[in-house]
Amino acid sequence: GNPRETPVKTPENPVQPPEKFRENPGQTPENAFPMLPDWSGPLRFLYWRLRMARGVSRPSPRTWHRRIAAEKKRLLDAGVDFFELHAVCVILRRSEYSVAAKQARDFLAKRAQLPRKPEPP
């Protein structure tokens, strides 16, 4: 076959970047952020798009900021804890080596160890 052909993504053959091009070899996108809650997927996507946006790109970075704000409002309305949402956003918008990101990771790790209050019927 042609080496330039794009491989087809199937359940048996998920398309992954080559091992040498990954930031953390051995990690897949699903487990790259193990401390982040399941509901943070759309936010991860939006913050990634914001990082990739340039000043001349369409849509502009401002558009991604608006979409992020709308997603955060939707999550808060759905009952996500404000502090947990804030910690996730700090991790996604800052360098993973920053002091604020480390504090946010520590907060999420402690939050994951605490027993959850049962939902009212």
PDB file of N, CA and C in Angstrom:
ATOM      1  N   GLY A   1       0.808  -1.188   0.000  1.00  0.00           N
ATOM      2  CA  GLY A   1       0.000   0.000   0.000  1.00  0.00           C
ATOM      3  C   GLY A   1       0.854   1.256   0.000  1.00  0.00           C
ATOM      4  N   ASN A   2       0.167   2.336  -0.205  1.00  0.00           N
ATOM      5  CA  ASN A   2       0.805   3.645  -0.229  1.00  0.00           C
ATOM      6  C   ASN A   2       1.135   4.074   1.197  1.00  0.00           C
ATOM      7  N   PRO A   3       2.406   4.410   1.511  1.00  0.00           N
ATOM      8  CA  PRO A   3       2.735   4.789   2.893  1.00  0.00           C
ATOM      9  C   PRO A   3       2.111   6.113   3.310  1.00  0.00           C
ATOM     10  N   ARG A   4       1.653   6.914   2.354  1.00  0.00           N
ATOM     11  CA  ARG A   4       1.050   8.198   2.694  1.00  0.00           C
ATOM     12  C   ARG A   4      -0.439   8.083   2.981  1.00  0.00           C
ATOM     13  N   GLU A   5      -1.020   6.905   2.784  1.00  0.00           N
ATOM     14  CA  GLU A   5      -2.445   6.741   3.061  1.00  0.00           C
ATOM     15  C   GLU A   5      -2.692   6.878   4.561  1.00  0.00           C
ATOM     16  N   THR A   6      -3.780   7.529   4.899  1.00  0.00           N
ATOM     17  CA  THR A   6      -4.158   7.680   6.299  1.00  0.00           C
ATOM     18  C   THR A   6      -4.817   6.392   6.761  1.00  0.00           C
ATOM     19  N   PRO A   7      -4.341   5.803   7.871  1.00  0.00           N
ATOM     20  CA  PRO A   7      -4.981   4.569   8.343  1.00  0.00           C
ATOM     21  C   PRO A   7      -6.400   4.844   8.810  1.00  0.00           C
ATOM     22  N   VAL A   8      -7.259   3.859   8.629  1.00  0.00           N
ATOM     23  CA  VAL A   8      -8.655   3.983   9.018  1.00  0.00           C
ATOM     24  C   VAL A   8      -8.783   3.621  10.488  1.00  0.00           C
ATOM     25  N   LYS A   9      -9.523   4.446  11.243  1.00  0.00           N
ATOM     26  CA  LYS A   9      -9.710   4.185  12.668  1.00  0.00           C
ATOM     27  C   LYS A   9     -10.878   3.227  12.849  1.00  0.00           C
ATOM     28  N   THR A  10     -10.596   2.082  13.435  1.00  0.00           N
ATOM     29  CA  THR A  10     -11.619   1.094  13.752  1.00  0.00           C
ATOM     30  C   THR A  10     -11.428   0.701  15.210  1.00  0.00           C
ATOM     31  N   PRO A  11     -12.422   0.036  15.831  1.00  0.00           N
ATOM     32  CA  PRO A  11     -12.222  -0.400  17.215  1.00  0.00           C
ATOM     33  C   PRO A  11     -11.011  -1.306  17.392  1.00  0.00           C
ATOM     34  N   GLU A  12     -10.702  -2.121  16.363  1.00  0.00           N
ATOM     35  CA  GLU A  12      -9.561  -3.016  16.461  1.00  0.00           C
ATOM     36  C   GLU A  12      -8.250  -2.270  16.226  1.00  0.00           C
ATOM     37  N   ASN A  13      -8.293  -1.153  15.451  1.00  0.00           N
ATOM     38  CA  ASN A  13      -7.090  -0.416  15.070  1.00  0.00           C
ATOM     39  C   ASN A  13      -7.301   1.072  15.333  1.00  0.00           C
ATOM     40  N   PRO A  14      -7.257   1.508  16.618  1.00  0.00           N
ATOM     41  CA  PRO A  14      -7.393   2.946  16.862  1.00  0.00           C
ATOM     42  C   PRO A  14      -6.165   3.684  16.345  1.00  0.00           C
ATOM     43  N   VAL A  15      -6.387   4.770  15.620  1.00  0.00           N
ATOM     44  CA  VAL A  15      -5.286   5.533  15.058  1.00  0.00           C
ATOM     45  C   VAL A  15      -4.625   6.332  16.175  1.00  0.00           C
ATOM     46  N   GLN A  16      -3.352   6.106  16.385  1.00  0.00           N
ATOM     47  CA  GLN A  16      -2.579   6.804  17.406  1.00  0.00           C
ATOM     48  C   GLN A  16      -1.381   7.458  16.736  1.00  0.00           C
ATOM     49  N   PRO A  17      -0.898   8.581  17.287  1.00  0.00           N
ATOM     50  CA  PRO A  17       0.338   9.131  16.748  1.00  0.00           C
ATOM     51  C   PRO A  17       1.484   8.173  17.030  1.00  0.00           C
ATOM     52  N   PRO A  18       2.507   8.173  16.182  1.00  0.00           N
ATOM     53  CA  PRO A  18       3.638   7.282  16.439  1.00  0.00           C
ATOM     54  C   PRO A  18       4.221   7.536  17.821  1.00  0.00           C
ATOM     55  N   GLU A  19       4.768   6.476  18.424  1.00  0.00           N
ATOM     56  CA  GLU A  19       5.259   6.541  19.805  1.00  0.00           C
ATOM     57  C   GLU A  19       6.266   7.671  19.999  1.00  0.00           C
ATOM     58  N   LYS A  20       7.143   7.890  19.014  1.00  0.00           N
ATOM     59  CA  LYS A  20       8.190   8.895  19.194  1.00  0.00           C
ATOM     60  C   LYS A  20       7.646  10.318  19.160  1.00  0.00           C
ATOM     61  N   PHE A  21       6.413  10.537  18.651  1.00  0.00           N
ATOM     62  CA  PHE A  21       5.849  11.872  18.578  1.00  0.00           C
ATOM     63  C   PHE A  21       4.939  12.200  19.754  1.00  0.00           C
ATOM     64  N   ARG A  22       4.656  11.248  20.608  1.00  0.00           N
ATOM     65  CA  ARG A  22       3.806  11.514  21.756  1.00  0.00           C
ATOM     66  C   ARG A  22       4.582  12.254  22.826  1.00  0.00           C
ATOM     67  N   GLU A  23       3.898  13.122  23.562  1.00  0.00           N
ATOM     68  CA  GLU A  23       4.564  13.844  24.643  1.00  0.00           C
ATOM     69  C   GLU A  23       5.001  12.870  25.733  1.00  0.00           C
ATOM     70  N   ASN A  24       4.138  11.954  26.091  1.00  0.00           N
ATOM     71  CA  ASN A  24       4.442  10.964  27.119  1.00  0.00           C
ATOM     72  C   ASN A  24       4.303   9.583  26.489  1.00  0.00           C
ATOM     73  N   PRO A  25       5.403   8.985  26.034  1.00  0.00           N
ATOM     74  CA  PRO A  25       5.293   7.669  25.384  1.00  0.00           C
ATOM     75  C   PRO A  25       4.623   6.656  26.303  1.00  0.00           C
ATOM     76  N   GLY A  26       3.792   5.826  25.720  1.00  0.00           N
ATOM     77  CA  GLY A  26       3.078   4.822  26.489  1.00  0.00           C
ATOM     78  C   GLY A  26       1.701   5.284  26.913  1.00  0.00           C
ATOM     79  N   GLN A  27       1.393   6.576  26.757  1.00  0.00           N
ATOM     80  CA  GLN A  27       0.086   7.077  27.142  1.00  0.00           C
ATOM     81  C   GLN A  27      -0.762   7.305  25.893  1.00  0.00           C
ATOM     82  N   THR A  28      -2.016   7.008  26.022  1.00  0.00           N
ATOM     83  CA  THR A  28      -2.968   7.283  24.959  1.00  0.00           C
ATOM     84  C   THR A  28      -3.780   8.503  25.366  1.00  0.00           C
ATOM     85  N   PRO A  29      -4.509   9.138  24.433  1.00  0.00           N
ATOM     86  CA  PRO A  29      -5.304  10.301  24.817  1.00  0.00           C
ATOM     87  C   PRO A  29      -6.311  10.010  25.922  1.00  0.00           C
ATOM     88  N   GLU A  30      -6.781   8.765  26.029  1.00  0.00           N
ATOM     89  CA  GLU A  30      -7.780   8.434  27.045  1.00  0.00           C
ATOM     90  C   GLU A  30      -7.194   8.465  28.452  1.00  0.00           C
ATOM     91  N   ASN A  31      -5.899   8.102  28.607  1.00  0.00           N
ATOM     92  CA  ASN A  31      -5.332   8.078  29.947  1.00  0.00           C
ATOM     93  C   ASN A  31      -4.249   9.133  30.147  1.00  0.00           C
ATOM     94  N   ALA A  32      -4.176  10.132  29.265  1.00  0.00           N
ATOM     95  CA  ALA A  32      -3.160  11.167  29.392  1.00  0.00           C
ATOM     96  C   ALA A  32      -3.422  12.053  30.608  1.00  0.00           C
ATOM     97  N   PHE A  33      -4.683  12.220  30.985  1.00  0.00           N
ATOM     98  CA  PHE A  33      -5.048  13.016  32.147  1.00  0.00           C
ATOM     99  C   PHE A  33      -5.875  12.148  33.091  1.00  0.00           C
ATOM    100  N   PRO A  34      -5.234  11.203  33.800  1.00  0.00           N
ATOM    101  CA  PRO A  34      -6.029  10.279  34.603  1.00  0.00           C
ATOM    102  C   PRO A  34      -6.740  10.941  35.772  1.00  0.00           C
ATOM    103  N   MET A  35      -6.255  12.122  36.228  1.00  0.00           N
ATOM    104  CA  MET A  35      -6.870  12.740  37.395  1.00  0.00           C
ATOM    105  C   MET A  35      -8.095  13.573  37.021  1.00  0.00           C
ATOM    106  N   LEU A  36      -8.307  13.823  35.739  1.00  0.00           N
ATOM    107  CA  LEU A  36      -9.435  14.652  35.338  1.00  0.00           C
ATOM    108  C   LEU A  36     -10.725  13.840  35.309  1.00  0.00           C
ATOM    109  N   PRO A  37     -11.823  14.428  35.756  1.00  0.00           N
ATOM    110  CA  PRO A  37     -13.108  13.707  35.753  1.00  0.00           C
ATOM    111  C   PRO A  37     -13.612  13.427  34.341  1.00  0.00           C
ATOM    112  N   ASP A  38     -14.567  12.522  34.243  1.00  0.00           N
ATOM    113  CA  ASP A  38     -15.110  12.140  32.937  1.00  0.00           C
ATOM    114  C   ASP A  38     -15.786  13.307  32.230  1.00  0.00           C
ATOM    115  N   TRP A  39     -16.398  14.211  32.988  1.00  0.00           N
ATOM    116  CA  TRP A  39     -17.134  15.308  32.373  1.00  0.00           C
ATOM    117  C   TRP A  39     -16.227  16.362  31.754  1.00  0.00           C
ATOM    118  N   SER A  40     -14.899  16.242  31.899  1.00  0.00           N
ATOM    119  CA  SER A  40     -13.994  17.279  31.412  1.00  0.00           C
ATOM    120  C   SER A  40     -13.598  17.107  29.947  1.00  0.00           C
ATOM    121  N   GLY A  41     -14.106  16.095  29.272  1.00  0.00           N
ATOM    122  CA  GLY A  41     -13.735  15.851  27.874  1.00  0.00           C
ATOM    123  C   GLY A  41     -13.984  17.032  26.951  1.00  0.00           C
ATOM    124  N   PRO A  42     -15.199  17.606  26.941  1.00  0.00           N
ATOM    125  CA  PRO A  42     -15.424  18.764  26.059  1.00  0.00           C
ATOM    126  C   PRO A  42     -14.522  19.950  26.398  1.00  0.00           C
ATOM    127  N   LEU A  43     -14.226  20.154  27.671  1.00  0.00           N
ATOM    128  CA  LEU A  43     -13.320  21.251  28.043  1.00  0.00           C
ATOM    129  C   LEU A  43     -11.907  20.991  27.539  1.00  0.00           C
ATOM    130  N   ARG A  44     -11.440  19.734  27.629  1.00  0.00           N
ATOM    131  CA  ARG A  44     -10.108  19.414  27.105  1.00  0.00           C
ATOM    132  C   ARG A  44     -10.034  19.742  25.627  1.00  0.00           C
ATOM    133  N   PHE A  45     -11.075  19.377  24.885  1.00  0.00           N
ATOM    134  CA  PHE A  45     -11.108  19.662  23.452  1.00  0.00           C
ATOM    135  C   PHE A  45     -11.071  21.166  23.203  1.00  0.00           C
ATOM    136  N   LEU A  46     -11.877  21.932  23.917  1.00  0.00           N
ATOM    137  CA  LEU A  46     -11.940  23.376  23.695  1.00  0.00           C
ATOM    138  C   LEU A  46     -10.621  24.058  24.046  1.00  0.00           C
ATOM    139  N   TYR A  47      -9.998  23.661  25.156  1.00  0.00           N
ATOM    140  CA  TYR A  47      -8.710  24.255  25.515  1.00  0.00           C
ATOM    141  C   TYR A  47      -7.633  23.867  24.504  1.00  0.00           C
ATOM    142  N   TRP A  48      -7.701  22.655  23.963  1.00  0.00           N
ATOM    143  CA  TRP A  48      -6.749  22.263  22.932  1.00  0.00           C
ATOM    144  C   TRP A  48      -6.925  23.143  21.705  1.00  0.00           C
ATOM    145  N   ARG A  49      -8.178  23.362  21.300  1.00  0.00           N
ATOM    146  CA  ARG A  49      -8.433  24.230  20.140  1.00  0.00           C
ATOM    147  C   ARG A  49      -7.944  25.646  20.395  1.00  0.00           C
ATOM    148  N   LEU A  50      -8.116  26.129  21.605  1.00  0.00           N
ATOM    149  CA  LEU A  50      -7.637  27.460  21.948  1.00  0.00           C
ATOM    150  C   LEU A  50      -6.117  27.538  21.833  1.00  0.00           C
ATOM    151  N   ARG A  51      -5.415  26.515  22.311  1.00  0.00           N
ATOM    152  CA  ARG A  51      -3.957  26.526  22.200  1.00  0.00           C
ATOM    153  C   ARG A  51      -3.498  26.481  20.749  1.00  0.00           C
ATOM    154  N   MET A  52      -4.254  25.800  19.904  1.00  0.00           N
ATOM    155  CA  MET A  52      -3.859  25.682  18.508  1.00  0.00           C
ATOM    156  C   MET A  52      -4.248  26.917  17.684  1.00  0.00           C
ATOM    157  N   ALA A  53      -5.162  27.726  18.202  1.00  0.00           N
ATOM    158  CA  ALA A  53      -5.616  28.906  17.460  1.00  0.00           C
ATOM    159  C   ALA A  53      -4.492  29.936  17.408  1.00  0.00           C
ATOM    160  N   ARG A  54      -4.352  30.559  16.285  1.00  0.00           N
ATOM    161  CA  ARG A  54      -3.369  31.624  16.114  1.00  0.00           C
ATOM    162  C   ARG A  54      -4.121  32.926  15.883  1.00  0.00           C
ATOM    163  N   GLY A  55      -3.410  34.034  15.886  1.00  0.00           N
ATOM    164  CA  GLY A  55      -4.044  35.335  15.699  1.00  0.00           C
ATOM    165  C   GLY A  55      -4.749  35.480  14.373  1.00  0.00           C
ATOM    166  N   VAL A  56      -4.302  34.737  13.358  1.00  0.00           N
ATOM    167  CA  VAL A  56      -4.908  34.857  12.039  1.00  0.00           C
ATOM    168  C   VAL A  56      -5.853  33.706  11.740  1.00  0.00           C
ATOM    169  N   SER A  57      -6.077  32.828  12.718  1.00  0.00           N
ATOM    170  CA  SER A  57      -6.899  31.649  12.467  1.00  0.00           C
ATOM    171  C   SER A  57      -8.381  32.001  12.483  1.00  0.00           C
ATOM    172  N   ARG A  58      -9.150  31.161  11.866  1.00  0.00           N
ATOM    173  CA  ARG A  58     -10.607  31.275  11.895  1.00  0.00           C
ATOM    174  C   ARG A  58     -11.142  29.971  12.426  1.00  0.00           C
ATOM    175  N   PRO A  59     -11.938  29.920  13.455  1.00  0.00           N
ATOM    176  CA  PRO A  59     -12.350  31.050  14.266  1.00  0.00           C
ATOM    177  C   PRO A  59     -11.209  31.563  15.135  1.00  0.00           C
ATOM    178  N   SER A  60     -11.363  32.785  15.583  1.00  0.00           N
ATOM    179  CA  SER A  60     -10.305  33.456  16.340  1.00  0.00           C
ATOM    180  C   SER A  60     -10.209  32.872  17.760  1.00  0.00           C
ATOM    181  N   PRO A  61      -9.103  33.145  18.469  1.00  0.00           N
ATOM    182  CA  PRO A  61      -8.993  32.679  19.856  1.00  0.00           C
ATOM    183  C   PRO A  61     -10.134  33.192  20.734  1.00  0.00           C
ATOM    184  N   ARG A  62     -10.633  34.372  20.458  1.00  0.00           N
ATOM    185  CA  ARG A  62     -11.735  34.921  21.253  1.00  0.00           C
ATOM    186  C   ARG A  62     -12.970  34.023  21.158  1.00  0.00           C
ATOM    187  N   THR A  63     -13.209  33.456  19.990  1.00  0.00           N
ATOM    188  CA  THR A  63     -14.334  32.540  19.811  1.00  0.00           C
ATOM    189  C   THR A  63     -14.185  31.336  20.722  1.00  0.00           C
ATOM    190  N   TRP A  64     -12.961  30.802  20.832  1.00  0.00           N
ATOM    191  CA  TRP A  64     -12.743  29.644  21.702  1.00  0.00           C
ATOM    192  C   TRP A  64     -12.919  30.021  23.156  1.00  0.00           C
ATOM    193  N   HIS A  65     -12.517  31.250  23.532  1.00  0.00           N
ATOM    194  CA  HIS A  65     -12.753  31.709  24.906  1.00  0.00           C
ATOM    195  C   HIS A  65     -14.256  31.755  25.205  1.00  0.00           C
ATOM    196  N   ARG A  66     -15.048  32.222  24.268  1.00  0.00           N
ATOM    197  CA  ARG A  66     -16.504  32.270  24.469  1.00  0.00           C
ATOM    198  C   ARG A  66     -17.086  30.873  24.592  1.00  0.00           C
ATOM    199  N   ARG A  67     -16.618  29.959  23.763  1.00  0.00           N
ATOM    200  CA  ARG A  67     -17.128  28.578  23.827  1.00  0.00           C
ATOM    201  C   ARG A  67     -16.738  27.904  25.147  1.00  0.00           C
ATOM    202  N   ILE A  68     -15.527  28.187  25.628  1.00  0.00           N
ATOM    203  CA  ILE A  68     -15.099  27.641  26.920  1.00  0.00           C
ATOM    204  C   ILE A  68     -15.984  28.184  28.029  1.00  0.00           C
ATOM    205  N   ALA A  69     -16.271  29.495  27.998  1.00  0.00           N
ATOM    206  CA  ALA A  69     -17.129  30.097  29.026  1.00  0.00           C
ATOM    207  C   ALA A  69     -18.524  29.479  28.996  1.00  0.00           C
ATOM    208  N   ALA A  70     -19.054  29.227  27.800  1.00  0.00           N
ATOM    209  CA  ALA A  70     -20.383  28.618  27.684  1.00  0.00           C
ATOM    210  C   ALA A  70     -20.373  27.186  28.227  1.00  0.00           C
ATOM    211  N   GLU A  71     -19.316  26.441  27.963  1.00  0.00           N
ATOM    212  CA  GLU A  71     -19.218  25.063  28.458  1.00  0.00           C
ATOM    213  C   GLU A  71     -19.098  25.047  29.980  1.00  0.00           C
ATOM    214  N   LYS A  72     -18.328  25.988  30.543  1.00  0.00           N
ATOM    215  CA  LYS A  72     -18.206  26.071  31.996  1.00  0.00           C
ATOM    216  C   LYS A  72     -19.552  26.399  32.632  1.00  0.00           C
ATOM    217  N   LYS A  73     -20.306  27.293  32.022  1.00  0.00           N
ATOM    218  CA  LYS A  73     -21.640  27.640  32.543  1.00  0.00           C
ATOM    219  C   LYS A  73     -22.566  26.431  32.475  1.00  0.00           C
ATOM    220  N   ARG A  74     -22.479  25.680  31.361  1.00  0.00           N
ATOM    221  CA  ARG A  74     -23.322  24.486  31.214  1.00  0.00           C
ATOM    222  C   ARG A  74     -22.987  23.467  32.303  1.00  0.00           C
ATOM    223  N   LEU A  75     -21.699  23.273  32.580  1.00  0.00           N
ATOM    224  CA  LEU A  75     -21.296  22.309  33.601  1.00  0.00           C
ATOM    225  C   LEU A  75     -21.734  22.746  34.992  1.00  0.00           C
ATOM    226  N   LEU A  76     -21.613  24.040  35.286  1.00  0.00           N
ATOM    227  CA  LEU A  76     -22.068  24.532  36.593  1.00  0.00           C
ATOM    228  C   LEU A  76     -23.576  24.354  36.749  1.00  0.00           C
ATOM    229  N   ASP A  77     -24.331  24.626  35.678  1.00  0.00           N
ATOM    230  CA  ASP A  77     -25.787  24.435  35.720  1.00  0.00           C
ATOM    231  C   ASP A  77     -26.162  22.964  35.887  1.00  0.00           C
ATOM    232  N   ALA A  78     -25.277  22.065  35.407  1.00  0.00           N
ATOM    233  CA  ALA A  78     -25.535  20.625  35.517  1.00  0.00           C
ATOM    234  C   ALA A  78     -25.183  20.091  36.904  1.00  0.00           C
ATOM    235  N   GLY A  79     -24.597  20.931  37.770  1.00  0.00           N
ATOM    236  CA  GLY A  79     -24.322  20.503  39.129  1.00  0.00           C
ATOM    237  C   GLY A  79     -22.880  20.148  39.428  1.00  0.00           C
ATOM    238  N   VAL A  80     -21.955  20.472  38.532  1.00  0.00           N
ATOM    239  CA  VAL A  80     -20.541  20.215  38.795  1.00  0.00           C
ATOM    240  C   VAL A  80     -20.062  21.193  39.864  1.00  0.00           C
ATOM    241  N   ASP A  81     -19.251  20.707  40.794  1.00  0.00           N
ATOM    242  CA  ASP A  81     -18.725  21.539  41.868  1.00  0.00           C
ATOM    243  C   ASP A  81     -17.847  22.646  41.296  1.00  0.00           C
ATOM    244  N   PHE A  82     -18.039  23.881  41.787  1.00  0.00           N
ATOM    245  CA  PHE A  82     -17.312  25.035  41.278  1.00  0.00           C
ATOM    246  C   PHE A  82     -15.803  24.862  41.454  1.00  0.00           C
ATOM    247  N   PHE A  83     -15.358  24.408  42.616  1.00  0.00           N
ATOM    248  CA  PHE A  83     -13.926  24.284  42.882  1.00  0.00           C
ATOM    249  C   PHE A  83     -13.289  23.194  42.029  1.00  0.00           C
ATOM    250  N   GLU A  84     -14.042  22.115  41.809  1.00  0.00           N
ATOM    251  CA  GLU A  84     -13.531  21.041  40.955  1.00  0.00           C
ATOM    252  C   GLU A  84     -13.400  21.527  39.511  1.00  0.00           C
ATOM    253  N   LEU A  85     -14.402  22.263  39.040  1.00  0.00           N
ATOM    254  CA  LEU A  85     -14.355  22.828  37.690  1.00  0.00           C
ATOM    255  C   LEU A  85     -13.186  23.795  37.563  1.00  0.00           C
ATOM    256  N   HIS A  86     -12.985  24.634  38.558  1.00  0.00           N
ATOM    257  CA  HIS A  86     -11.883  25.591  38.521  1.00  0.00           C
ATOM    258  C   HIS A  86     -10.535  24.864  38.474  1.00  0.00           C
ATOM    259  N   ALA A  87     -10.378  23.811  39.263  1.00  0.00           N
ATOM    260  CA  ALA A  87      -9.126  23.059  39.268  1.00  0.00           C
ATOM    261  C   ALA A  87      -8.853  22.424  37.904  1.00  0.00           C
ATOM    262  N   VAL A  88      -9.884  21.876  37.275  1.00  0.00           N
ATOM    263  CA  VAL A  88      -9.718  21.277  35.952  1.00  0.00           C
ATOM    264  C   VAL A  88      -9.298  22.342  34.942  1.00  0.00           C
ATOM    265  N   CYS A  89      -9.930  23.514  35.000  1.00  0.00           N
ATOM    266  CA  CYS A  89      -9.592  24.579  34.052  1.00  0.00           C
ATOM    267  C   CYS A  89      -8.169  25.085  34.261  1.00  0.00           C
ATOM    268  N   VAL A  90      -7.713  25.144  35.503  1.00  0.00           N
ATOM    269  CA  VAL A  90      -6.335  25.563  35.770  1.00  0.00           C
ATOM    270  C   VAL A  90      -5.362  24.570  35.150  1.00  0.00           C
ATOM    271  N   ILE A  91      -5.633  23.290  35.302  1.00  0.00           N
ATOM    272  CA  ILE A  91      -4.755  22.266  34.722  1.00  0.00           C
ATOM    273  C   ILE A  91      -4.731  22.380  33.206  1.00  0.00           C
ATOM    274  N   LEU A  92      -5.881  22.617  32.598  1.00  0.00           N
ATOM    275  CA  LEU A  92      -5.957  22.640  31.139  1.00  0.00           C
ATOM    276  C   LEU A  92      -5.373  23.911  30.531  1.00  0.00           C
ATOM    277  N   ARG A  93      -5.422  25.029  31.242  1.00  0.00           N
ATOM    278  CA  ARG A  93      -4.969  26.272  30.610  1.00  0.00           C
ATOM    279  C   ARG A  93      -3.532  26.637  30.939  1.00  0.00           C
ATOM    280  N   ARG A  94      -2.930  25.998  31.920  1.00  0.00           N
ATOM    281  CA  ARG A  94      -1.555  26.328  32.309  1.00  0.00           C
ATOM    282  C   ARG A  94      -0.613  25.188  31.976  1.00  0.00           C
ATOM    283  N   SER A  95       0.667  25.498  32.061  1.00  0.00           N
ATOM    284  CA  SER A  95       1.682  24.465  31.900  1.00  0.00           C
ATOM    285  C   SER A  95       1.508  23.445  33.021  1.00  0.00           C
ATOM    286  N   GLU A  96       1.697  22.180  32.702  1.00  0.00           N
ATOM    287  CA  GLU A  96       1.531  21.158  33.731  1.00  0.00           C
ATOM    288  C   GLU A  96       2.608  21.262  34.806  1.00  0.00           C
ATOM    289  N   TYR A  97       3.650  22.046  34.555  1.00  0.00           N
ATOM    290  CA  TYR A  97       4.727  22.200  35.526  1.00  0.00           C
ATOM    291  C   TYR A  97       4.557  23.441  36.393  1.00  0.00           C
ATOM    292  N   SER A  98       3.503  24.223  36.203  1.00  0.00           N
ATOM    293  CA  SER A  98       3.311  25.427  36.990  1.00  0.00           C
ATOM    294  C   SER A  98       2.871  25.067  38.414  1.00  0.00           C
ATOM    295  N   VAL A  99       3.093  25.998  39.329  1.00  0.00           N
ATOM    296  CA  VAL A  99       2.711  25.782  40.722  1.00  0.00           C
ATOM    297  C   VAL A  99       1.192  25.652  40.840  1.00  0.00           C
ATOM    298  N   ALA A 100       0.456  26.479  40.100  1.00  0.00           N
ATOM    299  CA  ALA A 100      -1.009  26.430  40.162  1.00  0.00           C
ATOM    300  C   ALA A 100      -1.539  25.089  39.664  1.00  0.00           C
ATOM    301  N   ALA A 101      -0.948  24.549  38.597  1.00  0.00           N
ATOM    302  CA  ALA A 101      -1.396  23.252  38.077  1.00  0.00           C
ATOM    303  C   ALA A 101      -1.091  22.139  39.079  1.00  0.00           C
ATOM    304  N   LYS A 102       0.059  22.219  39.754  1.00  0.00           N
ATOM    305  CA  LYS A 102       0.390  21.212  40.764  1.00  0.00           C
ATOM    306  C   LYS A 102      -0.618  21.267  41.915  1.00  0.00           C
ATOM    307  N   GLN A 103      -0.973  22.476  42.353  1.00  0.00           N
ATOM    308  CA  GLN A 103      -1.953  22.614  43.422  1.00  0.00           C
ATOM    309  C   GLN A 103      -3.316  22.075  42.985  1.00  0.00           C
ATOM    310  N   ALA A 104      -3.690  22.327  41.735  1.00  0.00           N
ATOM    311  CA  ALA A 104      -4.967  21.829  41.226  1.00  0.00           C
ATOM    312  C   ALA A 104      -4.963  20.303  41.163  1.00  0.00           C
ATOM    313  N   ARG A 105      -3.840  19.711  40.722  1.00  0.00           N
ATOM    314  CA  ARG A 105      -3.748  18.243  40.681  1.00  0.00           C
ATOM    315  C   ARG A 105      -3.860  17.663  42.083  1.00  0.00           C
ATOM    316  N   ASP A 106      -3.189  18.303  43.060  1.00  0.00           N
ATOM    317  CA  ASP A 106      -3.278  17.827  44.442  1.00  0.00           C
ATOM    318  C   ASP A 106      -4.715  17.910  44.950  1.00  0.00           C
ATOM    319  N   PHE A 107      -5.411  19.000  44.627  1.00  0.00           N
ATOM    320  CA  PHE A 107      -6.808  19.162  45.038  1.00  0.00           C
ATOM    321  C   PHE A 107      -7.682  18.057  44.446  1.00  0.00           C
ATOM    322  N   LEU A 108      -7.506  17.785  43.145  1.00  0.00           N
ATOM    323  CA  LEU A 108      -8.318  16.740  42.495  1.00  0.00           C
ATOM    324  C   LEU A 108      -7.990  15.361  43.059  1.00  0.00           C
ATOM    325  N   ALA A 109      -6.727  15.118  43.392  1.00  0.00           N
ATOM    326  CA  ALA A 109      -6.356  13.819  43.969  1.00  0.00           C
ATOM    327  C   ALA A 109      -7.006  13.637  45.331  1.00  0.00           C
ATOM    328  N   LYS A 110      -6.996  14.690  46.159  1.00  0.00           N
ATOM    329  CA  LYS A 110      -7.654  14.605  47.470  1.00  0.00           C
ATOM    330  C   LYS A 110      -9.155  14.440  47.304  1.00  0.00           C
ATOM    331  N   ARG A 111      -9.728  15.156  46.333  1.00  0.00           N
ATOM    332  CA  ARG A 111     -11.177  15.085  46.094  1.00  0.00           C
ATOM    333  C   ARG A 111     -11.573  13.677  45.648  1.00  0.00           C
ATOM    334  N   ALA A 112     -10.722  13.031  44.870  1.00  0.00           N
ATOM    335  CA  ALA A 112     -11.033  11.682  44.386  1.00  0.00           C
ATOM    336  C   ALA A 112     -11.004  10.667  45.526  1.00  0.00           C
ATOM    337  N   GLN A 113     -10.213  10.925  46.576  1.00  0.00           N
ATOM    338  CA  GLN A 113     -10.123   9.987  47.692  1.00  0.00           C
ATOM    339  C   GLN A 113     -11.270  10.139  48.675  1.00  0.00           C
ATOM    340  N   LEU A 114     -11.923  11.307  48.693  1.00  0.00           N
ATOM    341  CA  LEU A 114     -13.024  11.524  49.630  1.00  0.00           C
ATOM    342  C   LEU A 114     -14.257  10.756  49.180  1.00  0.00           C
ATOM    343  N   PRO A 115     -15.020  10.208  50.123  1.00  0.00           N
ATOM    344  CA  PRO A 115     -16.276   9.550  49.734  1.00  0.00           C
ATOM    345  C   PRO A 115     -17.274  10.590  49.273  1.00  0.00           C
ATOM    346  N   ARG A 116     -17.990  10.265  48.223  1.00  0.00           N
ATOM    347  CA  ARG A 116     -19.009  11.172  47.674  1.00  0.00           C
ATOM    348  C   ARG A 116     -20.288  11.091  48.491  1.00  0.00           C
ATOM    349  N   LYS A 117     -20.952  12.243  48.621  1.00  0.00           N
ATOM    350  CA  LYS A 117     -22.254  12.242  49.292  1.00  0.00           C
ATOM    351  C   LYS A 117     -23.255  11.562  48.372  1.00  0.00           C
ATOM    352  N   PRO A 118     -24.146  10.726  48.922  1.00  0.00           N
ATOM    353  CA  PRO A 118     -25.154  10.078  48.081  1.00  0.00           C
ATOM    354  C   PRO A 118     -26.113  11.132  47.498  1.00  0.00           C
ATOM    355  N   GLU A 119     -26.519  10.884  46.279  1.00  0.00           N
ATOM    356  CA  GLU A 119     -27.458  11.779  45.607  1.00  0.00           C
ATOM    357  C   GLU A 119     -28.827  11.659  46.269  1.00  0.00           C
ATOM    358  N   PRO A 120     -29.521  12.775  46.466  1.00  0.00           N
ATOM    359  CA  PRO A 120     -30.879  12.680  47.029  1.00  0.00           C
ATOM    360  C   PRO A 120     -31.817  12.019  46.027  1.00  0.00           C
ATOM    361  N   PRO A 121     -32.829  11.286  46.525  1.00  0.00           N
ATOM    362  CA  PRO A 121     -33.726  10.569  45.593  1.00  0.00           C
ATOM    363  C   PRO A 121     -34.623  11.501  44.806  1.00  0.00           C
TER     364      PRO A 121
END
